[in-house]
Amino acid sequence: MSKIFQWDNPVWIFLGKLTDMVILTVLWMVCCIPVVTVGASTSALYDVSLKLAKNQEGYVFSPFFRAFRKHWRKGTAVWLGCVCVGVFLASDIRLYSRMESSAGVVLLASAGMLAVIFLMTFVYLFPFLALYDMGIKRLIAAAFVTALKNPGWTLLMLVSAGGIVAVGIFVMAPFLVISAGLTAYIHAKIIFIVLQEV
């Protein structure tokens, strides 16, 4: 009975992680309000989540804002670049889906494949930005290579992110309170597995 009140009890550890995910999600959402800061906010989210996944961090607030300041410029540049590429690909897919010729089908398939590659690369960009100190070109190259070398883990990352958001939107709205933190934590665990395989 006395083990219930010990801090290393699995129940307390789980509740602590859950609380960290709620705090991280709220911090991420608040810092994303000016849309330009989504990149820096997401980098900070992954910076703290990667440490939590390795049990290296006990606090969330100050490390989040420290990481936010650290990744401000690069995170914003990567985010704005991703938005431009995403809008370009989405408009291409929309345009090609309205074409009724065989050329339209080929162009739509090509744009769809590029969109999939973009999403696979995107899922690694911000975690790698938090992990490594490298230029944007090398960051994109590392994310691209890692995504293509590990398609199963990459697909799991994409599905877990989509699934968590879908559960929050369509099944249980309060689940959205931990959505960003939980997604980043799951991705952090997967990334450490992937990096061990490389």
Protein backbone atom coordinates (compact mmCIF):
# COMPACT_ATOMS: atom_id res chain seq x y z
CA MET A 1 0.00 0.00 0.00
CA SER A 2 2.86 2.40 0.76
CA LYS A 3 4.19 1.94 -2.82
CA ILE A 4 1.18 3.85 -4.14
CA PHE A 5 2.55 7.08 -2.68
CA GLN A 6 6.12 6.65 -3.98
CA TRP A 7 7.11 8.97 -6.85
CA ASP A 8 8.58 6.13 -8.95
CA ASN A 9 5.21 4.36 -8.97
CA PRO A 10 4.10 3.74 -12.61
CA VAL A 11 0.77 5.48 -11.94
CA TRP A 12 2.48 8.69 -10.80
CA ILE A 13 4.95 8.52 -13.69
CA PHE A 14 2.04 8.15 -16.14
CA LEU A 15 0.11 11.03 -14.56
CA GLY A 16 3.24 13.18 -14.65
CA LYS A 17 3.76 12.50 -18.37
CA LEU A 18 0.07 13.17 -19.02
CA THR A 19 0.30 16.51 -17.22
CA ASP A 20 3.43 17.40 -19.21
CA MET A 21 1.57 16.62 -22.46
CA VAL A 22 -1.35 18.85 -21.46
CA ILE A 23 1.02 21.71 -20.58
CA LEU A 24 3.00 21.23 -23.79
CA THR A 25 -0.16 21.21 -25.91
CA VAL A 26 -1.44 24.41 -24.29
CA LEU A 27 1.95 26.14 -24.68
CA TRP A 28 2.17 25.00 -28.31
CA MET A 29 -1.36 26.24 -29.10
CA VAL A 30 -0.82 29.61 -27.42
CA CYS A 31 2.52 30.15 -29.19
CA CYS A 32 0.96 29.19 -32.54
CA ILE A 33 -1.68 31.94 -32.37
CA PRO A 34 0.31 34.25 -34.63
CA VAL A 35 0.53 31.71 -37.48
CA VAL A 36 4.07 32.81 -38.36
CA THR A 37 5.35 31.33 -35.09
CA VAL A 38 4.08 27.78 -35.74
CA GLY A 39 7.58 26.66 -36.79
CA ALA A 40 9.33 27.96 -33.68
CA SER A 41 6.52 26.63 -31.47
CA THR A 42 6.63 23.17 -33.06
CA SER A 43 10.42 23.06 -32.76
CA ALA A 44 10.12 23.93 -29.07
CA LEU A 45 7.42 21.26 -28.64
CA TYR A 46 9.73 18.62 -30.09
CA ASP A 47 12.75 19.93 -28.20
CA VAL A 48 11.01 19.30 -24.86
CA SER A 49 9.27 16.09 -26.02
CA LEU A 50 12.55 14.52 -27.12
CA LYS A 51 13.96 15.18 -23.64
CA LEU A 52 10.81 13.84 -21.97
CA ALA A 53 11.01 10.69 -24.10
CA LYS A 54 14.51 10.10 -22.72
CA ASN A 55 13.48 11.10 -19.17
CA GLN A 56 15.99 13.96 -19.27
CA GLU A 57 13.66 16.83 -18.43
CA GLY A 58 11.62 17.42 -15.32
CA TYR A 59 10.18 20.81 -16.20
CA VAL A 60 8.24 22.00 -19.22
CA PHE A 61 7.66 25.77 -19.08
CA SER A 62 11.17 27.24 -19.07
CA PRO A 63 12.68 24.62 -21.46
CA PHE A 64 9.83 25.26 -23.92
CA PHE A 65 10.37 29.01 -24.04
CA ARG A 66 14.16 28.59 -24.10
CA ALA A 67 13.80 26.28 -27.12
CA PHE A 68 11.28 28.66 -28.69
CA ARG A 69 13.84 31.48 -28.62
CA LYS A 70 16.63 29.18 -29.79
CA HIS A 71 14.72 27.88 -32.83
CA TRP A 72 12.88 31.11 -33.67
CA ARG A 73 14.65 32.03 -36.93
CA LYS A 74 15.27 28.61 -38.38
CA GLY A 75 11.89 27.25 -37.27
CA THR A 76 10.07 30.19 -38.84
CA ALA A 77 12.01 29.84 -42.11
CA VAL A 78 11.33 26.09 -42.30
CA TRP A 79 7.63 26.61 -41.49
CA LEU A 80 7.13 29.33 -44.12
CA GLY A 81 8.92 27.19 -46.70
CA CYS A 82 6.68 24.22 -45.86
CA VAL A 83 3.57 26.37 -46.14
CA CYS A 84 4.64 27.56 -49.62
CA VAL A 85 5.38 24.02 -50.81
CA GLY A 86 2.15 22.69 -49.28
CA VAL A 87 0.01 25.40 -50.92
CA PHE A 88 1.74 24.81 -54.27
CA LEU A 89 1.16 21.03 -54.12
CA ALA A 90 -2.45 21.40 -52.93
CA SER A 91 -3.27 23.83 -55.75
CA ASP A 92 -1.61 21.51 -58.29
CA ILE A 93 -3.61 18.51 -57.04
CA ARG A 94 -6.82 20.54 -57.18
CA LEU A 95 -6.06 21.77 -60.71
CA TYR A 96 -5.06 18.35 -62.05
CA SER A 97 -8.06 16.60 -60.48
CA ARG A 98 -10.34 18.78 -62.64
CA MET A 99 -8.58 17.82 -65.86
CA GLU A 100 -10.36 15.05 -67.73
CA SER A 101 -7.56 14.09 -70.09
CA SER A 102 -5.03 11.28 -69.65
CA ALA A 103 -2.35 13.95 -69.13
CA GLY A 104 -4.39 15.16 -66.14
CA VAL A 105 -4.30 11.66 -64.60
CA VAL A 106 -0.52 11.45 -65.02
CA LEU A 107 -0.01 14.96 -63.60
CA LEU A 108 -2.36 14.19 -60.69
CA ALA A 109 -0.48 10.99 -59.87
CA SER A 110 2.84 12.85 -60.02
CA ALA A 111 1.58 15.66 -57.79
CA GLY A 112 0.12 13.09 -55.38
CA MET A 113 3.45 11.27 -55.15
CA LEU A 114 5.26 14.55 -54.49
CA ALA A 115 2.70 15.39 -51.79
CA VAL A 116 3.31 12.03 -50.08
CA ILE A 117 7.09 12.57 -50.19
CA PHE A 118 6.57 16.08 -48.83
CA LEU A 119 4.48 14.79 -45.90
CA MET A 120 7.01 12.03 -45.18
CA THR A 121 9.83 14.58 -45.08
CA PHE A 122 7.77 17.13 -43.14
CA VAL A 123 7.16 14.74 -40.25
CA TYR A 124 10.93 14.67 -39.51
CA LEU A 125 11.77 18.34 -40.09
CA PHE A 126 10.88 19.83 -36.71
CA PRO A 127 12.15 16.93 -34.58
CA PHE A 128 15.47 17.10 -36.47
CA LEU A 129 15.52 20.88 -36.07
CA ALA A 130 15.26 20.30 -32.32
CA LEU A 131 17.89 17.54 -32.32
CA TYR A 132 20.59 18.83 -34.67
CA ASP A 133 22.36 22.10 -35.27
CA MET A 134 22.62 22.17 -39.06
CA GLY A 135 21.70 24.40 -41.98
CA ILE A 136 18.24 24.25 -43.53
CA LYS A 137 19.44 22.45 -46.70
CA ARG A 138 21.15 19.72 -44.67
CA LEU A 139 18.12 19.52 -42.39
CA ILE A 140 15.78 18.92 -45.34
CA ALA A 141 18.19 16.38 -46.85
CA ALA A 142 18.47 14.49 -43.53
CA ALA A 143 14.68 14.46 -43.08
CA PHE A 144 14.15 13.30 -46.68
CA VAL A 145 16.70 10.47 -46.46
CA THR A 146 15.44 9.31 -43.07
CA ALA A 147 11.83 9.29 -44.30
CA LEU A 148 12.67 7.22 -47.38
CA LYS A 149 14.92 4.80 -45.46
CA ASN A 150 12.24 4.15 -42.83
CA PRO A 151 8.88 4.13 -44.65
CA GLY A 152 7.18 1.94 -42.02
CA TRP A 153 8.12 4.17 -39.08
CA THR A 154 7.33 7.28 -41.13
CA LEU A 155 3.88 5.93 -41.96
CA LEU A 156 3.33 5.14 -38.27
CA MET A 157 4.23 8.74 -37.39
CA LEU A 158 1.80 10.12 -39.98
CA VAL A 159 -1.00 7.74 -38.97
CA SER A 160 -0.51 8.40 -35.25
CA ALA A 161 -0.65 12.17 -35.78
CA GLY A 162 -3.76 11.91 -37.97
CA GLY A 163 -5.38 9.40 -35.62
CA ILE A 164 -4.84 11.52 -32.50
CA VAL A 165 -6.31 14.61 -34.18
CA ALA A 166 -9.23 12.57 -35.60
CA VAL A 167 -10.06 11.13 -32.16
CA GLY A 168 -10.03 14.65 -30.71
CA ILE A 169 -12.23 16.10 -33.45
CA PHE A 170 -14.70 13.28 -34.12
CA VAL A 171 -14.80 11.15 -30.95
CA MET A 172 -13.73 13.00 -27.83
CA ALA A 173 -13.05 16.75 -27.99
CA PRO A 174 -11.22 16.91 -24.59
CA PHE A 175 -8.58 14.63 -26.14
CA LEU A 176 -7.39 17.66 -28.12
CA VAL A 177 -5.95 19.02 -24.86
CA ILE A 178 -3.14 16.44 -25.07
CA SER A 179 -3.05 16.02 -28.88
CA ALA A 180 0.09 18.01 -29.74
CA GLY A 181 2.04 16.85 -26.69
CA LEU A 182 1.07 13.20 -27.19
CA THR A 183 1.88 13.32 -30.91
CA ALA A 184 5.31 14.85 -30.28
CA TYR A 185 6.02 12.33 -27.50
CA ILE A 186 5.10 9.35 -29.72
CA HIS A 187 7.17 10.80 -32.58
CA ALA A 188 10.11 11.31 -30.21
CA LYS A 189 10.00 7.65 -29.16
CA ILE A 190 9.84 6.54 -32.82
CA ILE A 191 12.69 8.86 -33.83
CA PHE A 192 14.97 7.40 -31.18
CA ILE A 193 14.17 3.91 -32.53
CA VAL A 194 14.83 5.08 -36.10
CA LEU A 195 18.14 6.73 -35.18
CA GLN A 196 19.34 3.56 -33.50
CA GLU A 197 18.62 1.66 -36.73
CA VAL A 198 20.58 4.10 -38.90
